[in-house]
Amino acid sequence: MTWFRWDGDDLLLDCHLQPKASKDEFAGLHGERLKIRLTAPPMEGKANAQLLTFLGKAFGVAKSQVSLESGELNRQKRVRIRAPQRLPELPGLTARSP
């Protein structure tokens, strides 16, 4: 099992979020999830909003193209990125097969 999968043109990511970090960054793998550190606190949806913005920038899409599929109140999240325009260098991430 891997931390990402393609659903047509969309990319689904299984993430482990670490809020209140010193900077926003990808931090490798946490088990079978992509670890993401964010500076936002885990209150009032701030970390979730910052996660969507961070992933939008990283994958070259608008924030509106990134949605939280599950894990709204949890560190374990599943995120959908609609038709990513670029792929950041992350462990094992590959473009979808035609």
N, C-alpha and C. Protein backbone atom coordinates (compact mmCIF):
# COMPACT_ATOMS: atom_id res chain seq x y z
N MET A 1 0.85 -1.19 0.00
CA MET A 1 0.00 0.00 0.00
C MET A 1 0.88 1.24 0.00
N THR A 2 0.41 2.29 -0.61
CA THR A 2 1.20 3.51 -0.71
C THR A 2 0.38 4.70 -0.22
N TRP A 3 1.03 5.81 -0.02
CA TRP A 3 0.39 7.01 0.55
C TRP A 3 -0.34 7.83 -0.50
N PHE A 4 -0.28 7.43 -1.77
CA PHE A 4 -1.00 8.16 -2.81
C PHE A 4 -1.61 7.17 -3.80
N ARG A 5 -2.65 7.64 -4.49
CA ARG A 5 -3.19 6.87 -5.61
C ARG A 5 -3.88 7.83 -6.57
N TRP A 6 -3.92 7.42 -7.82
CA TRP A 6 -4.58 8.21 -8.85
C TRP A 6 -6.03 7.75 -8.99
N ASP A 7 -6.93 8.69 -9.14
CA ASP A 7 -8.34 8.44 -9.41
C ASP A 7 -8.68 9.24 -10.66
N GLY A 8 -8.45 8.65 -11.81
CA GLY A 8 -8.56 9.39 -13.07
C GLY A 8 -7.45 10.44 -13.11
N ASP A 9 -7.82 11.70 -13.30
CA ASP A 9 -6.84 12.79 -13.31
C ASP A 9 -6.57 13.34 -11.91
N ASP A 10 -7.32 12.88 -10.93
CA ASP A 10 -7.17 13.37 -9.56
C ASP A 10 -6.16 12.53 -8.79
N LEU A 11 -5.48 13.18 -7.86
CA LEU A 11 -4.51 12.51 -7.00
C LEU A 11 -5.05 12.51 -5.57
N LEU A 12 -5.10 11.33 -4.96
CA LEU A 12 -5.53 11.20 -3.58
C LEU A 12 -4.30 10.96 -2.71
N LEU A 13 -4.18 11.75 -1.65
CA LEU A 13 -3.05 11.63 -0.73
C LEU A 13 -3.53 11.23 0.65
N ASP A 14 -2.86 10.27 1.26
CA ASP A 14 -3.07 9.94 2.67
C ASP A 14 -1.98 10.66 3.43
N CYS A 15 -2.36 11.57 4.31
CA CYS A 15 -1.41 12.45 4.99
C CYS A 15 -1.47 12.29 6.51
N HIS A 16 -0.36 12.57 7.13
CA HIS A 16 -0.28 12.71 8.59
C HIS A 16 0.15 14.15 8.83
N LEU A 17 -0.68 14.91 9.49
CA LEU A 17 -0.45 16.34 9.69
C LEU A 17 0.18 16.62 11.05
N GLN A 18 1.21 17.46 11.05
CA GLN A 18 1.80 17.93 12.29
C GLN A 18 1.61 19.44 12.36
N PRO A 19 0.60 19.90 13.11
CA PRO A 19 0.36 21.35 13.24
C PRO A 19 1.36 21.98 14.20
N LYS A 20 1.39 23.30 14.20
CA LYS A 20 2.25 24.11 15.07
C LYS A 20 3.73 23.79 14.90
N ALA A 21 4.14 23.50 13.66
CA ALA A 21 5.55 23.24 13.35
C ALA A 21 6.27 24.57 13.13
N SER A 22 7.58 24.52 12.99
CA SER A 22 8.35 25.75 12.80
C SER A 22 8.23 26.29 11.37
N LYS A 23 7.89 25.41 10.39
CA LYS A 23 7.69 25.87 9.01
C LYS A 23 6.80 24.88 8.28
N ASP A 24 6.25 25.32 7.17
CA ASP A 24 5.40 24.47 6.33
C ASP A 24 6.33 23.66 5.42
N GLU A 25 6.18 22.31 5.48
CA GLU A 25 7.05 21.48 4.65
C GLU A 25 6.55 20.04 4.59
N PHE A 26 6.98 19.34 3.53
CA PHE A 26 6.82 17.90 3.47
C PHE A 26 7.92 17.33 4.34
N ALA A 27 7.61 16.30 5.13
CA ALA A 27 8.59 15.76 6.07
C ALA A 27 8.77 14.25 5.89
N GLY A 28 8.71 13.77 4.66
CA GLY A 28 8.92 12.35 4.42
C GLY A 28 7.67 11.54 4.73
N LEU A 29 7.90 10.29 5.09
CA LEU A 29 6.78 9.40 5.36
C LEU A 29 6.64 9.15 6.85
N HIS A 30 5.39 8.96 7.25
CA HIS A 30 5.04 8.59 8.63
C HIS A 30 4.22 7.32 8.50
N GLY A 31 4.87 6.17 8.63
CA GLY A 31 4.19 4.92 8.33
C GLY A 31 3.87 4.87 6.85
N GLU A 32 2.61 4.70 6.52
CA GLU A 32 2.20 4.67 5.11
C GLU A 32 1.47 5.95 4.72
N ARG A 33 1.84 7.05 5.35
CA ARG A 33 1.25 8.36 5.05
C ARG A 33 2.35 9.38 4.81
N LEU A 34 2.02 10.39 4.02
CA LEU A 34 2.93 11.50 3.78
C LEU A 34 2.83 12.45 4.97
N LYS A 35 3.95 12.71 5.62
CA LYS A 35 3.95 13.62 6.77
C LYS A 35 4.11 15.05 6.27
N ILE A 36 3.22 15.91 6.74
CA ILE A 36 3.26 17.33 6.37
C ILE A 36 3.27 18.15 7.65
N ARG A 37 4.25 19.02 7.76
CA ARG A 37 4.34 19.94 8.90
C ARG A 37 3.78 21.29 8.48
N LEU A 38 2.95 21.87 9.35
CA LEU A 38 2.35 23.18 9.09
C LEU A 38 2.50 24.06 10.31
N THR A 39 2.64 25.36 10.10
CA THR A 39 2.79 26.30 11.21
C THR A 39 1.46 26.62 11.88
N ALA A 40 0.35 26.39 11.21
CA ALA A 40 -0.98 26.72 11.76
C ALA A 40 -1.33 25.83 12.95
N PRO A 41 -2.07 26.38 13.91
CA PRO A 41 -2.54 25.57 15.05
C PRO A 41 -3.73 24.70 14.63
N PRO A 42 -3.96 23.60 15.36
CA PRO A 42 -5.07 22.70 15.01
C PRO A 42 -6.39 23.13 15.61
N MET A 43 -6.75 24.38 15.45
CA MET A 43 -8.00 24.87 16.02
C MET A 43 -8.78 25.67 15.00
N GLU A 44 -10.09 25.58 15.09
CA GLU A 44 -11.00 26.35 14.24
C GLU A 44 -10.73 26.17 12.75
N GLY A 45 -10.24 24.99 12.36
CA GLY A 45 -10.01 24.70 10.95
C GLY A 45 -8.80 25.37 10.33
N LYS A 46 -7.98 26.04 11.15
CA LYS A 46 -6.83 26.78 10.60
C LYS A 46 -5.81 25.85 9.94
N ALA A 47 -5.50 24.73 10.58
CA ALA A 47 -4.53 23.80 10.00
C ALA A 47 -5.07 23.18 8.71
N ASN A 48 -6.35 22.85 8.68
CA ASN A 48 -6.95 22.29 7.46
C ASN A 48 -6.88 23.29 6.32
N ALA A 49 -7.23 24.54 6.58
CA ALA A 49 -7.19 25.57 5.54
C ALA A 49 -5.76 25.77 5.03
N GLN A 50 -4.81 25.78 5.95
CA GLN A 50 -3.41 25.97 5.54
C GLN A 50 -2.92 24.75 4.75
N LEU A 51 -3.38 23.56 5.13
CA LEU A 51 -3.01 22.35 4.39
C LEU A 51 -3.46 22.45 2.94
N LEU A 52 -4.70 22.87 2.70
CA LEU A 52 -5.21 22.98 1.34
C LEU A 52 -4.44 24.01 0.53
N THR A 53 -4.10 25.13 1.15
CA THR A 53 -3.31 26.16 0.48
C THR A 53 -1.91 25.64 0.15
N PHE A 54 -1.28 25.01 1.12
CA PHE A 54 0.08 24.47 0.95
C PHE A 54 0.11 23.44 -0.18
N LEU A 55 -0.84 22.51 -0.19
CA LEU A 55 -0.86 21.49 -1.24
C LEU A 55 -1.19 22.09 -2.60
N GLY A 56 -2.07 23.08 -2.64
CA GLY A 56 -2.37 23.75 -3.90
C GLY A 56 -1.12 24.35 -4.53
N LYS A 57 -0.34 25.06 -3.72
CA LYS A 57 0.90 25.65 -4.23
C LYS A 57 1.90 24.58 -4.66
N ALA A 58 2.04 23.53 -3.87
CA ALA A 58 3.01 22.48 -4.16
C ALA A 58 2.68 21.72 -5.45
N PHE A 59 1.38 21.56 -5.73
CA PHE A 59 0.97 20.78 -6.90
C PHE A 59 0.51 21.68 -8.06
N GLY A 60 0.65 22.99 -7.92
CA GLY A 60 0.38 23.91 -9.02
C GLY A 60 -1.08 24.10 -9.37
N VAL A 61 -1.96 24.02 -8.36
CA VAL A 61 -3.39 24.22 -8.60
C VAL A 61 -3.93 25.24 -7.60
N ALA A 62 -5.11 25.76 -7.89
CA ALA A 62 -5.77 26.69 -6.97
C ALA A 62 -6.23 25.94 -5.72
N LYS A 63 -6.34 26.66 -4.63
CA LYS A 63 -6.81 26.07 -3.38
C LYS A 63 -8.17 25.39 -3.58
N SER A 64 -8.99 25.94 -4.46
CA SER A 64 -10.31 25.37 -4.71
C SER A 64 -10.24 24.00 -5.39
N GLN A 65 -9.08 23.63 -5.93
CA GLN A 65 -8.90 22.33 -6.58
C GLN A 65 -8.42 21.26 -5.59
N VAL A 66 -8.26 21.65 -4.33
CA VAL A 66 -7.80 20.73 -3.29
C VAL A 66 -8.91 20.61 -2.26
N SER A 67 -9.30 19.37 -1.95
CA SER A 67 -10.38 19.18 -0.98
C SER A 67 -10.03 18.09 0.02
N LEU A 68 -10.55 18.26 1.20
CA LEU A 68 -10.37 17.30 2.28
C LEU A 68 -11.44 16.23 2.14
N GLU A 69 -11.04 15.00 1.91
CA GLU A 69 -11.98 13.89 1.74
C GLU A 69 -12.37 13.28 3.09
N SER A 70 -11.39 13.20 4.00
CA SER A 70 -11.67 12.64 5.33
C SER A 70 -10.62 13.13 6.32
N GLY A 71 -10.97 13.06 7.61
CA GLY A 71 -10.02 13.42 8.66
C GLY A 71 -10.08 14.86 9.11
N GLU A 72 -11.22 15.50 8.98
CA GLU A 72 -11.33 16.92 9.33
C GLU A 72 -10.86 17.22 10.75
N LEU A 73 -11.15 16.34 11.70
CA LEU A 73 -10.79 16.58 13.10
C LEU A 73 -9.68 15.63 13.56
N ASN A 74 -8.88 15.14 12.65
CA ASN A 74 -7.87 14.15 12.95
C ASN A 74 -6.55 14.53 12.27
N ARG A 75 -5.45 14.02 12.78
CA ARG A 75 -4.16 14.25 12.11
C ARG A 75 -4.04 13.42 10.83
N GLN A 76 -4.77 12.31 10.78
CA GLN A 76 -4.76 11.43 9.61
C GLN A 76 -5.81 11.94 8.63
N LYS A 77 -5.37 12.34 7.45
CA LYS A 77 -6.28 12.96 6.49
C LYS A 77 -6.14 12.34 5.11
N ARG A 78 -7.22 12.39 4.34
CA ARG A 78 -7.17 12.03 2.92
C ARG A 78 -7.57 13.28 2.16
N VAL A 79 -6.73 13.65 1.19
CA VAL A 79 -6.91 14.88 0.42
C VAL A 79 -6.99 14.54 -1.06
N ARG A 80 -7.88 15.20 -1.78
CA ARG A 80 -7.99 15.06 -3.24
C ARG A 80 -7.46 16.32 -3.91
N ILE A 81 -6.57 16.12 -4.87
CA ILE A 81 -6.04 17.22 -5.67
C ILE A 81 -6.53 16.99 -7.09
N ARG A 82 -7.35 17.91 -7.58
CA ARG A 82 -7.93 17.76 -8.92
C ARG A 82 -6.91 18.18 -9.98
N ALA A 83 -6.57 17.23 -10.83
CA ALA A 83 -5.69 17.45 -11.99
C ALA A 83 -4.44 18.26 -11.62
N PRO A 84 -3.56 17.72 -10.79
CA PRO A 84 -2.35 18.46 -10.42
C PRO A 84 -1.53 18.84 -11.66
N GLN A 85 -1.00 20.05 -11.66
CA GLN A 85 -0.22 20.56 -12.78
C GLN A 85 1.26 20.21 -12.68
N ARG A 86 1.72 19.94 -11.46
CA ARG A 86 3.11 19.51 -11.27
C ARG A 86 3.16 18.58 -10.06
N LEU A 87 4.23 17.80 -10.01
CA LEU A 87 4.42 16.86 -8.91
C LEU A 87 5.71 17.23 -8.18
N PRO A 88 5.61 17.57 -6.90
CA PRO A 88 6.83 17.84 -6.14
C PRO A 88 7.62 16.54 -5.96
N GLU A 89 8.90 16.66 -5.70
CA GLU A 89 9.72 15.47 -5.48
C GLU A 89 9.42 14.92 -4.09
N LEU A 90 8.69 13.82 -4.08
CA LEU A 90 8.28 13.15 -2.85
C LEU A 90 8.55 11.67 -3.00
N PRO A 91 8.80 10.97 -1.90
CA PRO A 91 9.16 9.55 -1.97
C PRO A 91 8.11 8.70 -2.68
N GLY A 92 8.51 8.11 -3.80
CA GLY A 92 7.64 7.20 -4.52
C GLY A 92 6.58 7.81 -5.42
N LEU A 93 6.40 9.13 -5.40
CA LEU A 93 5.34 9.77 -6.19
C LEU A 93 5.69 9.72 -7.66
N THR A 94 4.77 9.16 -8.42
CA THR A 94 4.96 9.05 -9.87
C THR A 94 3.71 9.55 -10.59
N ALA A 95 3.90 9.97 -11.80
CA ALA A 95 2.78 10.42 -12.62
C ALA A 95 1.87 9.24 -12.91
N ARG A 96 0.62 9.55 -13.18
CA ARG A 96 -0.33 8.48 -13.47
C ARG A 96 0.00 7.84 -14.81
N SER A 97 -0.37 6.59 -14.94
CA SER A 97 -0.17 5.88 -16.21
C SER A 97 -1.27 6.27 -17.17
N PRO A 98 -0.95 6.35 -18.48
CA PRO A 98 -1.98 6.71 -19.46
C PRO A 98 -3.04 5.64 -19.59
